[in-house]
Amino acid sequence: MGKTFTLQIDGTDYEIEQQGKAVLVNGKRFEPEVAGATVMIGDTKLNIEVGADQVHIDGIAHLYSTTGLDESAAGVSPATIHPAAGDGALAAIMPGLIIKVPVSVGDAVSAGDVIVVLEAMKMENEICTPTDGTVKELWVKPGDIVEQNQRLALIE
């Protein structure tokens, strides 16, 4: 039996057990491949950055907490959100409806600021900027329907 702990993300509890390179999540086995902030689970590629109380998965912030895990041993580091599309561009992590764009071209933004709110599967997902910078381009507006990986905004 490996290291076990409870992970709560956005109010939902997950029982986690580490077994060598494999991870059991609520009893289901996964064998993720990790390279820096990129995690591959089967054919799914995720960009994950962990902070003190938030985890950013492909640029979307989620509150989390753990029970039964030694944080220092887990390698938790300050959050740095990576843009999904690269080159300062933020992309949609799933298809959905743009419901809010709280910034404008030319606005100064700080790491973690919400750039776009995307509604998908009846949930609002905040797409945040990974770095301090300026909004150079916005390619969407409220009411737009977007596809997965579609570029949303450019932060420089």
C-alpha atoms as a PDB file:
ATOM      1  CA  MET A   1       0.000   0.000   0.000  1.00  0.00           C
ATOM      2  CA  GLY A   2       1.374   3.402  -1.014  1.00  0.00           C
ATOM      3  CA  LYS A   3       0.834   6.906   0.225  1.00  0.00           C
ATOM      4  CA  THR A   4      -2.869   7.723   0.674  1.00  0.00           C
ATOM      5  CA  PHE A   5      -4.671  11.019   1.188  1.00  0.00           C
ATOM      6  CA  THR A   6      -7.926  12.830   0.462  1.00  0.00           C
ATOM      7  CA  LEU A   7      -7.948  15.543  -2.191  1.00  0.00           C
ATOM      8  CA  GLN A   8     -10.843  17.992  -2.283  1.00  0.00           C
ATOM      9  CA  ILE A   9     -11.267  19.990  -5.511  1.00  0.00           C
ATOM     10  CA  ASP A  10     -14.062  22.564  -5.703  1.00  0.00           C
ATOM     11  CA  GLY A  11     -15.900  20.777  -2.859  1.00  0.00           C
ATOM     12  CA  THR A  12     -15.632  17.220  -4.231  1.00  0.00           C
ATOM     13  CA  ASP A  13     -13.565  14.637  -2.295  1.00  0.00           C
ATOM     14  CA  TYR A  14     -11.254  12.173  -4.076  1.00  0.00           C
ATOM     15  CA  GLU A  15      -9.470   9.328  -2.274  1.00  0.00           C
ATOM     16  CA  ILE A  16      -5.943   9.144  -3.702  1.00  0.00           C
ATOM     17  CA  GLU A  17      -3.447   6.316  -3.313  1.00  0.00           C
ATOM     18  CA  GLN A  18       0.003   6.384  -4.865  1.00  0.00           C
ATOM     19  CA  GLN A  19       1.318   2.975  -5.947  1.00  0.00           C
ATOM     20  CA  GLY A  20       4.744   3.503  -7.463  1.00  0.00           C
ATOM     21  CA  LYS A  21       4.191   5.358 -10.741  1.00  0.00           C
ATOM     22  CA  ALA A  22       0.468   4.557 -10.718  1.00  0.00           C
ATOM     23  CA  VAL A  23      -2.236   6.531  -8.911  1.00  0.00           C
ATOM     24  CA  LEU A  24      -5.599   5.215  -7.714  1.00  0.00           C
ATOM     25  CA  VAL A  25      -8.367   7.834  -7.701  1.00  0.00           C
ATOM     26  CA  ASN A  26     -11.438   6.545  -5.856  1.00  0.00           C
ATOM     27  CA  GLY A  27     -10.198   3.040  -6.688  1.00  0.00           C
ATOM     28  CA  LYS A  28      -9.652   3.667 -10.426  1.00  0.00           C
ATOM     29  CA  ARG A  29      -6.064   3.154 -11.611  1.00  0.00           C
ATOM     30  CA  PHE A  30      -4.240   5.775 -13.701  1.00  0.00           C
ATOM     31  CA  GLU A  31      -0.644   5.797 -14.910  1.00  0.00           C
ATOM     32  CA  PRO A  32       0.154   9.455 -15.589  1.00  0.00           C
ATOM     33  CA  GLU A  33       3.325  10.562 -17.341  1.00  0.00           C
ATOM     34  CA  VAL A  34       4.667  13.793 -15.867  1.00  0.00           C
ATOM     35  CA  ALA A  35       7.077  16.195 -17.582  1.00  0.00           C
ATOM     36  CA  GLY A  36       7.326  19.471 -15.687  1.00  0.00           C
ATOM     37  CA  ALA A  37       3.818  20.976 -15.546  1.00  0.00           C
ATOM     38  CA  THR A  38       2.521  18.685 -18.312  1.00  0.00           C
ATOM     39  CA  VAL A  39       0.669  15.523 -17.312  1.00  0.00           C
ATOM     40  CA  MET A  40      -0.343  12.866 -19.850  1.00  0.00           C
ATOM     41  CA  ILE A  41      -3.096  10.429 -18.833  1.00  0.00           C
ATOM     42  CA  GLY A  42      -3.650   8.134 -21.797  1.00  0.00           C
ATOM     43  CA  ASP A  43      -4.203  10.433 -24.781  1.00  0.00           C
ATOM     44  CA  THR A  44      -5.193  13.391 -22.595  1.00  0.00           C
ATOM     45  CA  LYS A  45      -2.584  16.121 -22.085  1.00  0.00           C
ATOM     46  CA  LEU A  46      -3.092  18.517 -19.155  1.00  0.00           C
ATOM     47  CA  ASN A  47      -1.097  21.504 -18.030  1.00  0.00           C
ATOM     48  CA  ILE A  48      -1.240  21.535 -14.228  1.00  0.00           C
ATOM     49  CA  GLU A  49       0.259  24.050 -11.827  1.00  0.00           C
ATOM     50  CA  VAL A  50      -0.246  23.789  -8.083  1.00  0.00           C
ATOM     51  CA  GLY A  51      -0.312  26.710  -5.647  1.00  0.00           C
ATOM     52  CA  ALA A  52      -0.998  27.038  -1.936  1.00  0.00           C
ATOM     53  CA  ASP A  53      -4.808  26.755  -2.248  1.00  0.00           C
ATOM     54  CA  GLN A  54      -5.501  26.666  -5.995  1.00  0.00           C
ATOM     55  CA  VAL A  55      -4.632  24.299  -8.789  1.00  0.00           C
ATOM     56  CA  HIS A  56      -4.726  25.569 -12.365  1.00  0.00           C
ATOM     57  CA  ILE A  57      -5.639  22.905 -14.899  1.00  0.00           C
ATOM     58  CA  ASP A  58      -5.158  24.190 -18.447  1.00  0.00           C
ATOM     59  CA  GLY A  59      -5.511  27.747 -17.131  1.00  0.00           C
ATOM     60  CA  ILE A  60      -8.696  27.199 -15.119  1.00  0.00           C
ATOM     61  CA  ALA A  61      -8.411  27.832 -11.382  1.00  0.00           C
ATOM     62  CA  HIS A  62      -9.836  25.285  -8.928  1.00  0.00           C
ATOM     63  CA  LEU A  63      -9.757  25.524  -5.130  1.00  0.00           C
ATOM     64  CA  TYR A  64      -8.245  22.482  -3.458  1.00  0.00           C
ATOM     65  CA  SER A  65      -7.197  21.107  -0.101  1.00  0.00           C
ATOM     66  CA  THR A  66      -5.710  17.849   1.117  1.00  0.00           C
ATOM     67  CA  THR A  67      -6.071  15.733   4.223  1.00  0.00           C
ATOM     68  CA  GLY A  68      -3.364  13.292   5.229  1.00  0.00           C
ATOM     69  CA  LEU A  69      -0.679  14.612   2.878  1.00  0.00           C
ATOM     70  CA  ASP A  70       2.628  16.144   3.940  1.00  0.00           C
ATOM     71  CA  GLU A  71       2.659  19.269   1.718  1.00  0.00           C
ATOM     72  CA  SER A  72       6.442  19.639   1.828  1.00  0.00           C
ATOM     73  CA  ALA A  73       6.929  16.078   0.616  1.00  0.00           C
ATOM     74  CA  ALA A  74       4.449  16.600  -2.210  1.00  0.00           C
ATOM     75  CA  GLY A  75       6.564  19.319  -3.810  1.00  0.00           C
ATOM     76  CA  VAL A  76       3.826  21.959  -3.776  1.00  0.00           C
ATOM     77  CA  SER A  77       5.093  25.178  -5.312  1.00  0.00           C
ATOM     78  CA  PRO A  78       3.595  28.601  -5.993  1.00  0.00           C
ATOM     79  CA  ALA A  79       1.088  28.684  -8.856  1.00  0.00           C
ATOM     80  CA  THR A  80       2.275  29.614 -12.290  1.00  0.00           C
ATOM     81  CA  ILE A  81      -0.457  29.185 -14.861  1.00  0.00           C
ATOM     82  CA  HIS A  82       0.729  28.246 -18.322  1.00  0.00           C
ATOM     83  CA  PRO A  83      -1.279  29.455 -21.309  1.00  0.00           C
ATOM     84  CA  ALA A  84      -2.852  26.524 -23.139  1.00  0.00           C
ATOM     85  CA  ALA A  85      -2.124  27.875 -26.630  1.00  0.00           C
ATOM     86  CA  GLY A  86       1.455  29.070 -26.087  1.00  0.00           C
ATOM     87  CA  ASP A  87       3.157  32.316 -27.147  1.00  0.00           C
ATOM     88  CA  GLY A  88       1.102  34.285 -24.592  1.00  0.00           C
ATOM     89  CA  ALA A  89      -2.188  33.084 -26.081  1.00  0.00           C
ATOM     90  CA  LEU A  90      -4.884  31.585 -23.862  1.00  0.00           C
ATOM     91  CA  ALA A  91      -7.067  28.855 -25.355  1.00  0.00           C
ATOM     92  CA  ALA A  92     -10.366  27.183 -24.534  1.00  0.00           C
ATOM     93  CA  ILE A  93      -9.812  23.895 -22.737  1.00  0.00           C
ATOM     94  CA  MET A  94     -13.186  22.577 -23.899  1.00  0.00           C
ATOM     95  CA  PRO A  95     -16.024  23.633 -26.171  1.00  0.00           C
ATOM     96  CA  GLY A  96     -18.425  26.092 -24.611  1.00  0.00           C
ATOM     97  CA  LEU A  97     -20.092  29.481 -24.507  1.00  0.00           C
ATOM     98  CA  ILE A  98     -18.225  32.682 -23.630  1.00  0.00           C
ATOM     99  CA  ILE A  99     -20.312  34.355 -20.935  1.00  0.00           C
ATOM    100  CA  LYS A 100     -17.964  37.069 -19.693  1.00  0.00           C
ATOM    101  CA  VAL A 101     -14.832  38.921 -20.839  1.00  0.00           C
ATOM    102  CA  PRO A 102     -13.948  41.198 -17.898  1.00  0.00           C
ATOM    103  CA  VAL A 103     -10.910  42.765 -19.632  1.00  0.00           C
ATOM    104  CA  SER A 104     -10.331  44.942 -22.678  1.00  0.00           C
ATOM    105  CA  VAL A 105      -7.467  45.270 -25.135  1.00  0.00           C
ATOM    106  CA  GLY A 106      -4.794  47.434 -23.522  1.00  0.00           C
ATOM    107  CA  ASP A 107      -5.661  46.461 -19.930  1.00  0.00           C
ATOM    108  CA  ALA A 108      -2.763  45.657 -17.617  1.00  0.00           C
ATOM    109  CA  VAL A 109      -3.274  42.245 -15.972  1.00  0.00           C
ATOM    110  CA  SER A 110      -1.547  40.275 -13.236  1.00  0.00           C
ATOM    111  CA  ALA A 111      -0.901  36.540 -13.051  1.00  0.00           C
ATOM    112  CA  GLY A 112      -4.109  34.798 -12.022  1.00  0.00           C
ATOM    113  CA  ASP A 113      -6.476  37.524 -13.288  1.00  0.00           C
ATOM    114  CA  VAL A 114      -9.596  36.231 -15.029  1.00  0.00           C
ATOM    115  CA  ILE A 115      -9.486  36.989 -18.759  1.00  0.00           C
ATOM    116  CA  VAL A 116     -12.500  35.002 -20.008  1.00  0.00           C
ATOM    117  CA  VAL A 117     -15.333  33.074 -18.351  1.00  0.00           C
ATOM    118  CA  LEU A 118     -16.345  30.003 -20.362  1.00  0.00           C
ATOM    119  CA  GLU A 119     -19.541  28.091 -19.626  1.00  0.00           C
ATOM    120  CA  ALA A 120     -19.306  24.386 -20.380  1.00  0.00           C
ATOM    121  CA  MET A 121     -21.355  21.492 -19.025  1.00  0.00           C
ATOM    122  CA  LYS A 122     -23.405  23.936 -16.891  1.00  0.00           C
ATOM    123  CA  MET A 123     -20.259  25.127 -15.089  1.00  0.00           C
ATOM    124  CA  GLU A 124     -18.512  28.485 -15.279  1.00  0.00           C
ATOM    125  CA  ASN A 125     -14.781  28.081 -15.924  1.00  0.00           C
ATOM    126  CA  GLU A 126     -12.443  31.006 -15.344  1.00  0.00           C
ATOM    127  CA  ILE A 127      -9.615  31.232 -17.866  1.00  0.00           C
ATOM    128  CA  CYS A 128      -6.790  33.092 -16.116  1.00  0.00           C
ATOM    129  CA  THR A 129      -3.618  34.745 -17.334  1.00  0.00           C
ATOM    130  CA  PRO A 130      -0.390  32.948 -16.424  1.00  0.00           C
ATOM    131  CA  THR A 131       1.720  36.089 -16.185  1.00  0.00           C
ATOM    132  CA  ASP A 132       1.666  39.808 -15.611  1.00  0.00           C
ATOM    133  CA  GLY A 133       1.261  41.669 -18.866  1.00  0.00           C
ATOM    134  CA  THR A 134      -1.047  43.585 -21.166  1.00  0.00           C
ATOM    135  CA  VAL A 135      -4.066  42.288 -23.064  1.00  0.00           C
ATOM    136  CA  LYS A 136      -2.876  42.632 -26.673  1.00  0.00           C
ATOM    137  CA  GLU A 137      -5.763  40.892 -28.436  1.00  0.00           C
ATOM    138  CA  LEU A 138      -9.191  39.465 -27.606  1.00  0.00           C
ATOM    139  CA  TRP A 139     -10.573  37.015 -30.132  1.00  0.00           C
ATOM    140  CA  VAL A 140     -13.903  36.360 -28.369  1.00  0.00           C
ATOM    141  CA  LYS A 141     -16.826  38.260 -26.871  1.00  0.00           C
ATOM    142  CA  PRO A 142     -19.768  37.249 -24.659  1.00  0.00           C
ATOM    143  CA  GLY A 143     -22.158  35.039 -26.599  1.00  0.00           C
ATOM    144  CA  ASP A 144     -19.471  33.437 -28.787  1.00  0.00           C
ATOM    145  CA  ILE A 145     -19.400  29.649 -28.975  1.00  0.00           C
ATOM    146  CA  VAL A 146     -15.853  28.274 -28.983  1.00  0.00           C
ATOM    147  CA  GLU A 147     -14.231  24.936 -29.733  1.00  0.00           C
ATOM    148  CA  GLN A 148     -11.616  23.174 -27.634  1.00  0.00           C
ATOM    149  CA  ASN A 149      -8.137  24.738 -28.124  1.00  0.00           C
ATOM    150  CA  GLN A 150      -9.589  27.816 -29.853  1.00  0.00           C
ATOM    151  CA  ARG A 151      -7.525  30.893 -29.049  1.00  0.00           C
ATOM    152  CA  LEU A 152      -9.295  33.360 -26.758  1.00  0.00           C
ATOM    153  CA  ALA A 153      -6.839  36.147 -25.922  1.00  0.00           C
ATOM    154  CA  LEU A 154      -3.222  37.219 -26.240  1.00  0.00           C
ATOM    155  CA  ILE A 155      -1.311  38.459 -23.172  1.00  0.00           C
ATOM    156  CA  GLU A 156       2.141  39.997 -23.618  1.00  0.00           C
END
